[in-house]
Amino acid sequence: MNILIFGGTGFIGRNMAEYFKSADNKIFVTGNKRKIEDSSFGSLNANLTTEIGVAAVFERAKLYFGGDIDIVIQAAATTSGAKDTFNKPWYHVTDNAVMNSLILREELNHKIKHHIFFSCTVMYSAQNGIVNEDTTINEIQDIYFGVGWTKVYLEKMCKFYSTLMKTKFTVIRHSNIYGPYDKYGLENSHFFGANLTKVLTSKPGDNIIVWGDGQDTRDLLHIEDLCYFVELAIKQQNTSYELFTLGSEHNYTTNEVVSKMIEITGTNNRILNDLAKPSMKINFELVCTKAHKLNWYPKINLEDGIKQTIYWYKKFYGNK
């Protein structure tokens, strides 16, 4: 397959490129701020919030493939951590709405077979109980209001374009993804990356500062299981549009996850909950019935996923 991956230097995009890299596939990736290091991929640094930038990517990708683009994996996004979620809630809205709208419109000019869009589960944040693709979205928690409704809008745009083109669209509302190539800086990383960095850069006996009371829960899914699902969707989806929820179907409190990190590293650290910092009260149980119909189930449990990520982290950043 000829696979164009937007955001190929980011967390999800980089892992998708590595996962689908084979003698049978040709990969073209886009980057922005991060350097594109793998010479086995075709690549272009581009500003995806401009029409010129998006059009240039499609044309360069077609030249690289020597033909049409089969698959578009849209993993480009403006992302950051909890600090920006609280202090700059608009940060995840405008760029993401613009770049996705431009990419979808440009696809009208190309014979794309399949488009993969990564949504997320933030629109469920105000829900309690069991949620899935059929859960009605009426209200979104204030802290996620902007990004949540932006994601819903982009899901609807994928469905809209599926009526205009012969392209298949797969929308994935995934839970918290973790693993190699994520952001691990304390200022811009997500929940998993920030806390793993705290543990791995601490000294034995140090306190690990955890925001809030540590009782907020999350569903964590390893990036390889997300890649595996995309592979199955490409092979098996036979409808023009499908929306899937995807996660481990297990909830863990923040304190439980950080305790597991401490246990695995053997640093004998202790958790100190900073009650002056906010907690993200996300209380729902994710059900993945439609994904199971594709015979998809997670392969990597949390303990093994943490171990694998720590191994990668030390190899990538050095055993500091």
C-alpha atoms as a PDB file:
ATOM      1  CA  MET A   1       0.000   0.000   0.000  1.00  0.00           C
ATOM      2  CA  ASN A   2       0.976   3.624  -0.518  1.00  0.00           C
ATOM      3  CA  ILE A   3       0.404   5.191   2.914  1.00  0.00           C
ATOM      4  CA  LEU A   4       0.469   8.924   3.610  1.00  0.00           C
ATOM      5  CA  ILE A   5       0.840   9.667   7.327  1.00  0.00           C
ATOM      6  CA  PHE A   6       0.163  13.207   8.469  1.00  0.00           C
ATOM      7  CA  GLY A   7       2.048  13.942  11.664  1.00  0.00           C
ATOM      8  CA  GLY A   8       4.607  11.227  11.009  1.00  0.00           C
ATOM      9  CA  THR A   9       7.110  12.721  13.452  1.00  0.00           C
ATOM     10  CA  GLY A  10       4.611  12.842  16.328  1.00  0.00           C
ATOM     11  CA  PHE A  11       3.679  10.155  18.807  1.00  0.00           C
ATOM     12  CA  ILE A  12       0.908   8.271  17.014  1.00  0.00           C
ATOM     13  CA  GLY A  13       2.161   9.049  13.501  1.00  0.00           C
ATOM     14  CA  ARG A  14       5.726   7.885  14.166  1.00  0.00           C
ATOM     15  CA  ASN A  15       4.487   4.607  15.613  1.00  0.00           C
ATOM     16  CA  MET A  16       2.125   4.098  12.684  1.00  0.00           C
ATOM     17  CA  ALA A  17       5.018   4.629  10.262  1.00  0.00           C
ATOM     18  CA  GLU A  18       7.173   2.090  12.109  1.00  0.00           C
ATOM     19  CA  TYR A  19       4.316  -0.404  12.336  1.00  0.00           C
ATOM     20  CA  PHE A  20       3.385  -0.310   8.649  1.00  0.00           C
ATOM     21  CA  LYS A  21       6.946  -0.104   7.341  1.00  0.00           C
ATOM     22  CA  SER A  22       7.573  -3.180   5.214  1.00  0.00           C
ATOM     23  CA  ALA A  23       8.706  -4.264   1.785  1.00  0.00           C
ATOM     24  CA  ASP A  24       5.060  -4.262   0.654  1.00  0.00           C
ATOM     25  CA  ASN A  25       4.252  -0.735   1.849  1.00  0.00           C
ATOM     26  CA  LYS A  26       5.628   2.650   0.872  1.00  0.00           C
ATOM     27  CA  ILE A  27       5.371   5.354   3.540  1.00  0.00           C
ATOM     28  CA  PHE A  28       5.327   9.128   3.140  1.00  0.00           C
ATOM     29  CA  VAL A  29       5.212  11.231   6.311  1.00  0.00           C
ATOM     30  CA  THR A  30       4.808  14.886   7.159  1.00  0.00           C
ATOM     31  CA  GLY A  31       6.579  16.749   9.918  1.00  0.00           C
ATOM     32  CA  ASN A  32       6.513  20.205  11.374  1.00  0.00           C
ATOM     33  CA  LYS A  33       8.734  21.042  14.339  1.00  0.00           C
ATOM     34  CA  ARG A  34      10.358  17.640  14.820  1.00  0.00           C
ATOM     35  CA  LYS A  35      13.061  16.457  12.453  1.00  0.00           C
ATOM     36  CA  ILE A  36      12.234  13.578  10.094  1.00  0.00           C
ATOM     37  CA  GLU A  37      15.056  11.146  10.740  1.00  0.00           C
ATOM     38  CA  ASP A  38      14.169   7.909   8.926  1.00  0.00           C
ATOM     39  CA  SER A  39      15.459   7.967   5.352  1.00  0.00           C
ATOM     40  CA  SER A  40      13.341   4.939   4.450  1.00  0.00           C
ATOM     41  CA  PHE A  41      10.274   7.203   4.398  1.00  0.00           C
ATOM     42  CA  GLY A  42       9.412   9.840   1.891  1.00  0.00           C
ATOM     43  CA  SER A  43       8.879  13.069   3.805  1.00  0.00           C
ATOM     44  CA  LEU A  44       8.014  16.746   3.757  1.00  0.00           C
ATOM     45  CA  ASN A  45       7.918  19.373   6.499  1.00  0.00           C
ATOM     46  CA  ALA A  46       4.722  21.320   5.937  1.00  0.00           C
ATOM     47  CA  ASN A  47       2.366  23.814   7.543  1.00  0.00           C
ATOM     48  CA  LEU A  48      -0.922  21.916   7.501  1.00  0.00           C
ATOM     49  CA  THR A  49      -2.955  24.954   8.519  1.00  0.00           C
ATOM     50  CA  THR A  50      -2.534  26.417   5.009  1.00  0.00           C
ATOM     51  CA  GLU A  51      -4.070  25.310   1.720  1.00  0.00           C
ATOM     52  CA  ILE A  52      -0.681  25.513  -0.001  1.00  0.00           C
ATOM     53  CA  GLY A  53       0.959  23.335   2.633  1.00  0.00           C
ATOM     54  CA  VAL A  54      -1.700  20.625   2.466  1.00  0.00           C
ATOM     55  CA  ALA A  55      -1.806  20.556  -1.344  1.00  0.00           C
ATOM     56  CA  ALA A  56       1.997  20.303  -1.480  1.00  0.00           C
ATOM     57  CA  VAL A  57       1.947  17.210   0.729  1.00  0.00           C
ATOM     58  CA  PHE A  58      -0.448  15.339  -1.549  1.00  0.00           C
ATOM     59  CA  GLU A  59       1.502  16.237  -4.667  1.00  0.00           C
ATOM     60  CA  ARG A  60       4.886  15.303  -3.177  1.00  0.00           C
ATOM     61  CA  ALA A  61       3.480  12.040  -1.813  1.00  0.00           C
ATOM     62  CA  LYS A  62       2.107  11.059  -5.228  1.00  0.00           C
ATOM     63  CA  LEU A  63       5.456  11.810  -6.853  1.00  0.00           C
ATOM     64  CA  TYR A  64       7.210   9.698  -4.213  1.00  0.00           C
ATOM     65  CA  PHE A  65       4.790   6.787  -4.690  1.00  0.00           C
ATOM     66  CA  GLY A  66       4.760   7.104  -8.447  1.00  0.00           C
ATOM     67  CA  GLY A  67       0.994   6.746  -8.332  1.00  0.00           C
ATOM     68  CA  ASP A  68      -2.094   7.244  -6.220  1.00  0.00           C
ATOM     69  CA  ILE A  69      -2.229   7.420  -2.439  1.00  0.00           C
ATOM     70  CA  ASP A  70      -4.055   4.395  -1.010  1.00  0.00           C
ATOM     71  CA  ILE A  71      -4.319   5.197   2.695  1.00  0.00           C
ATOM     72  CA  VAL A  72      -4.303   8.490   4.613  1.00  0.00           C
ATOM     73  CA  ILE A  73      -3.568   8.182   8.319  1.00  0.00           C
ATOM     74  CA  GLN A  74      -4.349  11.577   9.850  1.00  0.00           C
ATOM     75  CA  ALA A  75      -2.247  11.754  13.015  1.00  0.00           C
ATOM     76  CA  ALA A  76      -1.252  15.425  12.817  1.00  0.00           C
ATOM     77  CA  ALA A  77      -2.548  17.538  15.688  1.00  0.00           C
ATOM     78  CA  THR A  78      -1.712  20.387  17.995  1.00  0.00           C
ATOM     79  CA  THR A  79      -1.318  18.650  21.354  1.00  0.00           C
ATOM     80  CA  SER A  80       0.052  19.354  24.817  1.00  0.00           C
ATOM     81  CA  GLY A  81      -0.394  18.363  28.431  1.00  0.00           C
ATOM     82  CA  ALA A  82      -2.683  19.023  31.363  1.00  0.00           C
ATOM     83  CA  LYS A  83      -1.190  22.446  32.096  1.00  0.00           C
ATOM     84  CA  ASP A  84      -2.382  23.852  28.761  1.00  0.00           C
ATOM     85  CA  THR A  85      -5.724  22.064  29.121  1.00  0.00           C
ATOM     86  CA  PHE A  86      -6.392  24.148  32.227  1.00  0.00           C
ATOM     87  CA  ASN A  87      -4.605  27.395  31.334  1.00  0.00           C
ATOM     88  CA  LYS A  88      -5.096  27.599  27.542  1.00  0.00           C
ATOM     89  CA  PRO A  89      -8.234  25.574  26.703  1.00  0.00           C
ATOM     90  CA  TRP A  90      -8.368  27.122  23.203  1.00  0.00           C
ATOM     91  CA  TYR A  91      -4.945  25.681  22.332  1.00  0.00           C
ATOM     92  CA  HIS A  92      -6.314  22.415  20.914  1.00  0.00           C
ATOM     93  CA  VAL A  93      -9.139  23.948  18.900  1.00  0.00           C
ATOM     94  CA  THR A  94      -8.309  26.252  15.977  1.00  0.00           C
ATOM     95  CA  ASP A  95      -5.277  24.546  14.407  1.00  0.00           C
ATOM     96  CA  ASN A  96      -6.885  21.110  14.618  1.00  0.00           C
ATOM     97  CA  ALA A  97     -10.161  22.272  13.087  1.00  0.00           C
ATOM     98  CA  VAL A  98      -8.357  24.055  10.245  1.00  0.00           C
ATOM     99  CA  MET A  99      -5.828  21.372   9.306  1.00  0.00           C
ATOM    100  CA  ASN A 100      -8.371  18.554   9.289  1.00  0.00           C
ATOM    101  CA  SER A 101     -10.851  20.581   7.250  1.00  0.00           C
ATOM    102  CA  LEU A 102      -8.174  21.380   4.650  1.00  0.00           C
ATOM    103  CA  ILE A 103      -6.968  17.773   4.444  1.00  0.00           C
ATOM    104  CA  LEU A 104     -10.499  16.439   3.968  1.00  0.00           C
ATOM    105  CA  ARG A 105     -11.258  18.983   1.245  1.00  0.00           C
ATOM    106  CA  GLU A 106      -8.016  18.260  -0.595  1.00  0.00           C
ATOM    107  CA  GLU A 107      -8.859  14.555  -0.640  1.00  0.00           C
ATOM    108  CA  LEU A 108     -11.698  15.359  -3.029  1.00  0.00           C
ATOM    109  CA  ASN A 109      -8.967  15.814  -5.665  1.00  0.00           C
ATOM    110  CA  HIS A 110      -7.351  12.420  -5.071  1.00  0.00           C
ATOM    111  CA  LYS A 111      -8.362   8.763  -5.247  1.00  0.00           C
ATOM    112  CA  ILE A 112      -7.888   7.871  -1.586  1.00  0.00           C
ATOM    113  CA  LYS A 113      -9.147   4.413  -0.651  1.00  0.00           C
ATOM    114  CA  HIS A 114      -9.226   4.804   3.120  1.00  0.00           C
ATOM    115  CA  HIS A 115      -8.915   7.686   5.603  1.00  0.00           C
ATOM    116  CA  ILE A 116      -8.099   7.051   9.283  1.00  0.00           C
ATOM    117  CA  PHE A 117      -8.955   9.810  11.778  1.00  0.00           C
ATOM    118  CA  PHE A 118      -7.950   9.737  15.436  1.00  0.00           C
ATOM    119  CA  SER A 119     -10.569  11.311  17.623  1.00  0.00           C
ATOM    120  CA  CYS A 120     -10.507  10.668  21.397  1.00  0.00           C
ATOM    121  CA  THR A 121     -12.835  10.095  24.343  1.00  0.00           C
ATOM    122  CA  VAL A 122     -12.858  13.623  25.821  1.00  0.00           C
ATOM    123  CA  MET A 123     -16.489  14.075  24.767  1.00  0.00           C
ATOM    124  CA  TYR A 124     -17.397  11.381  27.325  1.00  0.00           C
ATOM    125  CA  SER A 125     -15.840  13.278  30.223  1.00  0.00           C
ATOM    126  CA  ALA A 126     -19.151  14.481  31.640  1.00  0.00           C
ATOM    127  CA  GLN A 127     -20.668  11.004  31.403  1.00  0.00           C
ATOM    128  CA  ASN A 128     -20.836   8.414  34.147  1.00  0.00           C
ATOM    129  CA  GLY A 129     -21.256   4.691  33.640  1.00  0.00           C
ATOM    130  CA  ILE A 130     -20.798   2.666  30.472  1.00  0.00           C
ATOM    131  CA  VAL A 131     -20.112   4.512  27.208  1.00  0.00           C
ATOM    132  CA  ASN A 132     -19.573   3.452  23.598  1.00  0.00           C
ATOM    133  CA  GLU A 133     -20.103   4.731  20.053  1.00  0.00           C
ATOM    134  CA  ASP A 134     -23.872   4.975  20.585  1.00  0.00           C
ATOM    135  CA  THR A 135     -23.674   7.139  23.710  1.00  0.00           C
ATOM    136  CA  THR A 136     -25.503  10.414  23.116  1.00  0.00           C
ATOM    137  CA  ILE A 137     -23.238  13.449  23.500  1.00  0.00           C
ATOM    138  CA  ASN A 138     -25.264  16.236  25.081  1.00  0.00           C
ATOM    139  CA  GLU A 139     -22.848  17.906  27.463  1.00  0.00           C
ATOM    140  CA  ILE A 140     -19.060  17.973  27.607  1.00  0.00           C
ATOM    141  CA  GLN A 141     -17.118  18.767  30.772  1.00  0.00           C
ATOM    142  CA  ASP A 142     -16.177  22.467  30.891  1.00  0.00           C
ATOM    143  CA  ILE A 143     -12.426  21.846  30.790  1.00  0.00           C
ATOM    144  CA  TYR A 144     -12.812  19.825  27.561  1.00  0.00           C
ATOM    145  CA  PHE A 145     -15.637  21.880  26.036  1.00  0.00           C
ATOM    146  CA  GLY A 146     -13.579  23.329  23.173  1.00  0.00           C
ATOM    147  CA  VAL A 147     -11.524  20.303  22.200  1.00  0.00           C
ATOM    148  CA  GLY A 148     -14.438  17.907  22.788  1.00  0.00           C
ATOM    149  CA  TRP A 149     -16.834  19.646  20.431  1.00  0.00           C
ATOM    150  CA  THR A 150     -14.011  20.157  17.921  1.00  0.00           C
ATOM    151  CA  LYS A 151     -13.498  16.384  17.854  1.00  0.00           C
ATOM    152  CA  VAL A 152     -17.235  15.788  17.411  1.00  0.00           C
ATOM    153  CA  TYR A 153     -17.303  18.307  14.552  1.00  0.00           C
ATOM    154  CA  LEU A 154     -14.394  16.580  12.793  1.00  0.00           C
ATOM    155  CA  GLU A 155     -16.045  13.191  13.216  1.00  0.00           C
ATOM    156  CA  LYS A 156     -19.130  14.619  11.496  1.00  0.00           C
ATOM    157  CA  MET A 157     -16.953  16.075   8.724  1.00  0.00           C
ATOM    158  CA  CYS A 158     -15.511  12.606   8.068  1.00  0.00           C
ATOM    159  CA  LYS A 159     -19.054  11.258   7.806  1.00  0.00           C
ATOM    160  CA  PHE A 160     -20.026  14.146   5.511  1.00  0.00           C
ATOM    161  CA  TYR A 161     -17.100  13.552   3.154  1.00  0.00           C
ATOM    162  CA  SER A 162     -17.838   9.821   3.103  1.00  0.00           C
ATOM    163  CA  THR A 163     -21.039  10.738   1.240  1.00  0.00           C
ATOM    164  CA  LEU A 164     -19.110  12.751  -1.374  1.00  0.00           C
ATOM    165  CA  MET A 165     -16.276  10.336  -2.135  1.00  0.00           C
ATOM    166  CA  LYS A 166     -15.581   6.654  -2.626  1.00  0.00           C
ATOM    167  CA  THR A 167     -13.108   6.855   0.256  1.00  0.00           C
ATOM    168  CA  LYS A 168     -13.788   4.762   3.362  1.00  0.00           C
ATOM    169  CA  PHE A 169     -13.551   6.651   6.650  1.00  0.00           C
ATOM    170  CA  THR A 170     -12.603   5.144  10.002  1.00  0.00           C
ATOM    171  CA  VAL A 171     -12.978   7.357  13.085  1.00  0.00           C
ATOM    172  CA  ILE A 172     -11.378   6.087  16.293  1.00  0.00           C
ATOM    173  CA  ARG A 173     -12.403   7.448  19.681  1.00  0.00           C
ATOM    174  CA  HIS A 174      -9.430   6.080  21.571  1.00  0.00           C
ATOM    175  CA  SER A 175      -8.657   6.278  25.260  1.00  0.00           C
ATOM    176  CA  ASN A 176      -5.312   7.477  26.714  1.00  0.00           C
ATOM    177  CA  ILE A 177      -2.569   6.149  24.426  1.00  0.00           C
ATOM    178  CA  TYR A 178       0.953   5.605  25.782  1.00  0.00           C
ATOM    179  CA  GLY A 179       4.262   4.152  24.655  1.00  0.00           C
ATOM    180  CA  PRO A 180       7.411   4.981  22.649  1.00  0.00           C
ATOM    181  CA  TYR A 181       7.893   8.360  20.921  1.00  0.00           C
ATOM    182  CA  ASP A 182       5.351  10.171  23.088  1.00  0.00           C
ATOM    183  CA  LYS A 183       6.222  13.526  24.659  1.00  0.00           C
ATOM    184  CA  TYR A 184       8.053  13.122  27.971  1.00  0.00           C
ATOM    185  CA  GLY A 185       8.736  16.708  29.006  1.00  0.00           C
ATOM    186  CA  LEU A 186       7.031  17.820  32.204  1.00  0.00           C
ATOM    187  CA  GLU A 187       5.567  20.927  30.576  1.00  0.00           C
ATOM    188  CA  ASN A 188       4.049  19.503  27.399  1.00  0.00           C
ATOM    189  CA  SER A 189       3.458  15.789  27.933  1.00  0.00           C
ATOM    190  CA  HIS A 190       0.283  13.903  28.707  1.00  0.00           C
ATOM    191  CA  PHE A 191      -0.572  12.153  31.952  1.00  0.00           C
ATOM    192  CA  PHE A 192       1.455   8.988  31.349  1.00  0.00           C
ATOM    193  CA  GLY A 193       4.561  10.656  29.926  1.00  0.00           C
ATOM    194  CA  ALA A 194       4.768  13.323  32.621  1.00  0.00           C
ATOM    195  CA  ASN A 195       4.486  10.867  35.490  1.00  0.00           C
ATOM    196  CA  LEU A 196       6.892   8.354  33.969  1.00  0.00           C
ATOM    197  CA  THR A 197       9.472  11.122  33.570  1.00  0.00           C
ATOM    198  CA  LYS A 198       9.005  12.112  37.210  1.00  0.00           C
ATOM    199  CA  VAL A 199       9.669   8.534  38.302  1.00  0.00           C
ATOM    200  CA  LEU A 200      12.615   7.866  35.989  1.00  0.00           C
ATOM    201  CA  THR A 201      14.396  11.138  36.776  1.00  0.00           C
ATOM    202  CA  SER A 202      13.887  10.911  40.539  1.00  0.00           C
ATOM    203  CA  LYS A 203      16.360   9.671  43.105  1.00  0.00           C
ATOM    204  CA  PRO A 204      15.582   6.685  45.369  1.00  0.00           C
ATOM    205  CA  GLY A 205      13.395   7.806  48.236  1.00  0.00           C
ATOM    206  CA  ASP A 206      12.190  11.003  46.539  1.00  0.00           C
ATOM    207  CA  ASN A 207       8.539  11.981  46.642  1.00  0.00           C
ATOM    208  CA  ILE A 208       6.722  11.785  43.317  1.00  0.00           C
ATOM    209  CA  ILE A 209       4.361  14.752  43.108  1.00  0.00           C
ATOM    210  CA  VAL A 210       1.002  13.763  41.620  1.00  0.00           C
ATOM    211  CA  TRP A 211      -1.599  16.385  40.736  1.00  0.00           C
ATOM    212  CA  GLY A 212      -4.789  16.317  42.783  1.00  0.00           C
ATOM    213  CA  ASP A 213      -5.926  13.465  44.995  1.00  0.00           C
ATOM    214  CA  GLY A 214      -4.785  10.809  42.508  1.00  0.00           C
ATOM    215  CA  GLN A 215      -8.190   9.134  42.426  1.00  0.00           C
ATOM    216  CA  ASP A 216      -9.198  10.250  38.934  1.00  0.00           C
ATOM    217  CA  THR A 217      -9.404   7.252  36.619  1.00  0.00           C
ATOM    218  CA  ARG A 218      -8.176   6.616  33.097  1.00  0.00           C
ATOM    219  CA  ASP A 219      -8.337   3.870  30.511  1.00  0.00           C
ATOM    220  CA  LEU A 220      -4.797   3.326  29.154  1.00  0.00           C
ATOM    221  CA  LEU A 221      -4.071   1.683  25.793  1.00  0.00           C
ATOM    222  CA  HIS A 222      -0.616   0.890  24.435  1.00  0.00           C
ATOM    223  CA  ILE A 223       0.209   2.458  21.078  1.00  0.00           C
ATOM    224  CA  GLU A 224       0.928  -0.915  19.484  1.00  0.00           C
ATOM    225  CA  ASP A 225      -2.651  -2.005  20.173  1.00  0.00           C
ATOM    226  CA  LEU A 226      -3.896   1.138  18.418  1.00  0.00           C
ATOM    227  CA  CYS A 227      -1.681   0.347  15.406  1.00  0.00           C
ATOM    228  CA  TYR A 228      -2.997  -3.203  15.368  1.00  0.00           C
ATOM    229  CA  PHE A 229      -6.576  -1.927  15.273  1.00  0.00           C
ATOM    230  CA  VAL A 230      -5.833   0.378  12.336  1.00  0.00           C
ATOM    231  CA  GLU A 231      -4.421  -2.596  10.447  1.00  0.00           C
ATOM    232  CA  LEU A 232      -7.620  -4.589  11.066  1.00  0.00           C
ATOM    233  CA  ALA A 233      -9.864  -1.678  10.086  1.00  0.00           C
ATOM    234  CA  ILE A 234      -8.013  -1.228   6.794  1.00  0.00           C
ATOM    235  CA  LYS A 235      -8.362  -4.916   6.016  1.00  0.00           C
ATOM    236  CA  GLN A 236     -11.918  -5.537   7.215  1.00  0.00           C
ATOM    237  CA  GLN A 237     -14.060  -2.387   7.051  1.00  0.00           C
ATOM    238  CA  ASN A 238     -16.461  -2.637   4.134  1.00  0.00           C
ATOM    239  CA  THR A 239     -18.679   0.372   4.844  1.00  0.00           C
ATOM    240  CA  SER A 240     -18.124   3.983   3.848  1.00  0.00           C
ATOM    241  CA  TYR A 241     -17.989   5.286   7.440  1.00  0.00           C
ATOM    242  CA  GLU A 242     -17.477   3.690  10.843  1.00  0.00           C
ATOM    243  CA  LEU A 243     -16.965   5.137  14.315  1.00  0.00           C
ATOM    244  CA  PHE A 244     -15.199   2.962  16.893  1.00  0.00           C
ATOM    245  CA  THR A 245     -14.441   3.356  20.586  1.00  0.00           C
ATOM    246  CA  LEU A 246     -11.088   1.851  21.517  1.00  0.00           C
ATOM    247  CA  GLY A 247      -9.442   1.216  24.852  1.00  0.00           C
ATOM    248  CA  SER A 248      -8.265  -1.430  27.275  1.00  0.00           C
ATOM    249  CA  GLU A 249     -11.693  -1.521  28.985  1.00  0.00           C
ATOM    250  CA  HIS A 250      -9.883  -1.242  32.330  1.00  0.00           C
ATOM    251  CA  ASN A 251      -9.786   1.883  34.486  1.00  0.00           C
ATOM    252  CA  TYR A 252      -6.824   2.805  36.670  1.00  0.00           C
ATOM    253  CA  THR A 253      -6.487   5.662  39.144  1.00  0.00           C
ATOM    254  CA  THR A 254      -3.545   8.010  38.720  1.00  0.00           C
ATOM    255  CA  ASN A 255      -2.066   6.783  41.989  1.00  0.00           C
ATOM    256  CA  GLU A 256      -2.372   3.162  40.839  1.00  0.00           C
ATOM    257  CA  VAL A 257      -0.498   3.883  37.598  1.00  0.00           C
ATOM    258  CA  VAL A 258       2.272   5.851  39.298  1.00  0.00           C
ATOM    259  CA  SER A 259       2.576   3.176  42.013  1.00  0.00           C
ATOM    260  CA  LYS A 260       3.035   0.564  39.277  1.00  0.00           C
ATOM    261  CA  MET A 261       5.760   2.695  37.674  1.00  0.00           C
ATOM    262  CA  ILE A 262       7.533   2.993  41.020  1.00  0.00           C
ATOM    263  CA  GLU A 263       7.235  -0.736  41.666  1.00  0.00           C
ATOM    264  CA  ILE A 264       8.667  -1.653  38.259  1.00  0.00           C
ATOM    265  CA  THR A 265      11.628   0.746  38.550  1.00  0.00           C
ATOM    266  CA  GLY A 266      12.329  -0.342  42.136  1.00  0.00           C
ATOM    267  CA  THR A 267      13.189   3.213  43.215  1.00  0.00           C
ATOM    268  CA  ASN A 268      11.318   3.004  46.546  1.00  0.00           C
ATOM    269  CA  ASN A 269       9.697   6.386  45.891  1.00  0.00           C
ATOM    270  CA  ARG A 270       6.548   7.600  47.581  1.00  0.00           C
ATOM    271  CA  ILE A 271       3.572   9.396  46.057  1.00  0.00           C
ATOM    272  CA  LEU A 272       2.788  12.851  47.402  1.00  0.00           C
ATOM    273  CA  ASN A 273      -0.566  14.156  46.187  1.00  0.00           C
ATOM    274  CA  ASP A 274      -0.592  17.913  45.560  1.00  0.00           C
ATOM    275  CA  LEU A 275      -4.158  18.832  46.498  1.00  0.00           C
ATOM    276  CA  ALA A 276      -3.575  22.415  45.372  1.00  0.00           C
ATOM    277  CA  LYS A 277      -3.448  21.131  41.791  1.00  0.00           C
ATOM    278  CA  PRO A 278      -6.659  20.140  39.977  1.00  0.00           C
ATOM    279  CA  SER A 279      -7.864  16.597  39.405  1.00  0.00           C
ATOM    280  CA  MET A 280      -9.492  15.551  36.153  1.00  0.00           C
ATOM    281  CA  LYS A 281     -12.611  13.694  37.253  1.00  0.00           C
ATOM    282  CA  ILE A 282     -13.177  11.379  34.322  1.00  0.00           C
ATOM    283  CA  ASN A 283     -15.579   8.649  35.371  1.00  0.00           C
ATOM    284  CA  PHE A 284     -16.805   6.283  32.689  1.00  0.00           C
ATOM    285  CA  GLU A 285     -16.315   2.717  31.534  1.00  0.00           C
ATOM    286  CA  LEU A 286     -15.374   2.359  27.881  1.00  0.00           C
ATOM    287  CA  VAL A 287     -16.876  -0.542  25.946  1.00  0.00           C
ATOM    288  CA  CYS A 288     -15.400  -1.581  22.577  1.00  0.00           C
ATOM    289  CA  THR A 289     -18.093  -3.872  21.160  1.00  0.00           C
ATOM    290  CA  LYS A 290     -17.656  -2.802  17.530  1.00  0.00           C
ATOM    291  CA  ALA A 291     -13.875  -3.236  17.688  1.00  0.00           C
ATOM    292  CA  HIS A 292     -14.329  -6.744  19.103  1.00  0.00           C
ATOM    293  CA  LYS A 293     -16.451  -7.593  16.049  1.00  0.00           C
ATOM    294  CA  LEU A 294     -13.261  -7.068  14.007  1.00  0.00           C
ATOM    295  CA  ASN A 295     -11.632  -9.586  16.371  1.00  0.00           C
ATOM    296  CA  TRP A 296      -9.602  -6.846  18.017  1.00  0.00           C
ATOM    297  CA  TYR A 297      -8.564  -7.165  21.645  1.00  0.00           C
ATOM    298  CA  PRO A 298      -5.618  -5.452  23.381  1.00  0.00           C
ATOM    299  CA  LYS A 299      -2.472  -7.569  23.478  1.00  0.00           C
ATOM    300  CA  ILE A 300      -0.382  -5.540  25.939  1.00  0.00           C
ATOM    301  CA  ASN A 301      -1.414  -5.210  29.585  1.00  0.00           C
ATOM    302  CA  LEU A 302      -0.462  -2.174  31.639  1.00  0.00           C
ATOM    303  CA  GLU A 303       2.465  -3.749  33.497  1.00  0.00           C
ATOM    304  CA  ASP A 304       4.083  -5.046  30.310  1.00  0.00           C
ATOM    305  CA  GLY A 305       3.369  -1.739  28.575  1.00  0.00           C
ATOM    306  CA  ILE A 306       5.111   0.223  31.322  1.00  0.00           C
ATOM    307  CA  LYS A 307       8.113  -2.117  31.203  1.00  0.00           C
ATOM    308  CA  GLN A 308       8.372  -1.825  27.432  1.00  0.00           C
ATOM    309  CA  THR A 309       8.089   1.965  27.554  1.00  0.00           C
ATOM    310  CA  ILE A 310      10.748   2.236  30.271  1.00  0.00           C
ATOM    311  CA  TYR A 311      13.093   0.098  28.155  1.00  0.00           C
ATOM    312  CA  TRP A 312      12.503   2.372  25.160  1.00  0.00           C
ATOM    313  CA  TYR A 313      12.838   5.542  27.270  1.00  0.00           C
ATOM    314  CA  LYS A 314      16.229   4.538  28.662  1.00  0.00           C
ATOM    315  CA  LYS A 315      17.481   3.523  25.234  1.00  0.00           C
ATOM    316  CA  PHE A 316      16.198   6.717  23.572  1.00  0.00           C
ATOM    317  CA  TYR A 317      17.087   9.258  26.246  1.00  0.00           C
ATOM    318  CA  GLY A 318      19.985   7.439  27.858  1.00  0.00           C
ATOM    319  CA  ASN A 319      19.978   5.683  31.208  1.00  0.00           C
ATOM    320  CA  LYS A 320      20.158   8.830  33.329  1.00  0.00           C
END
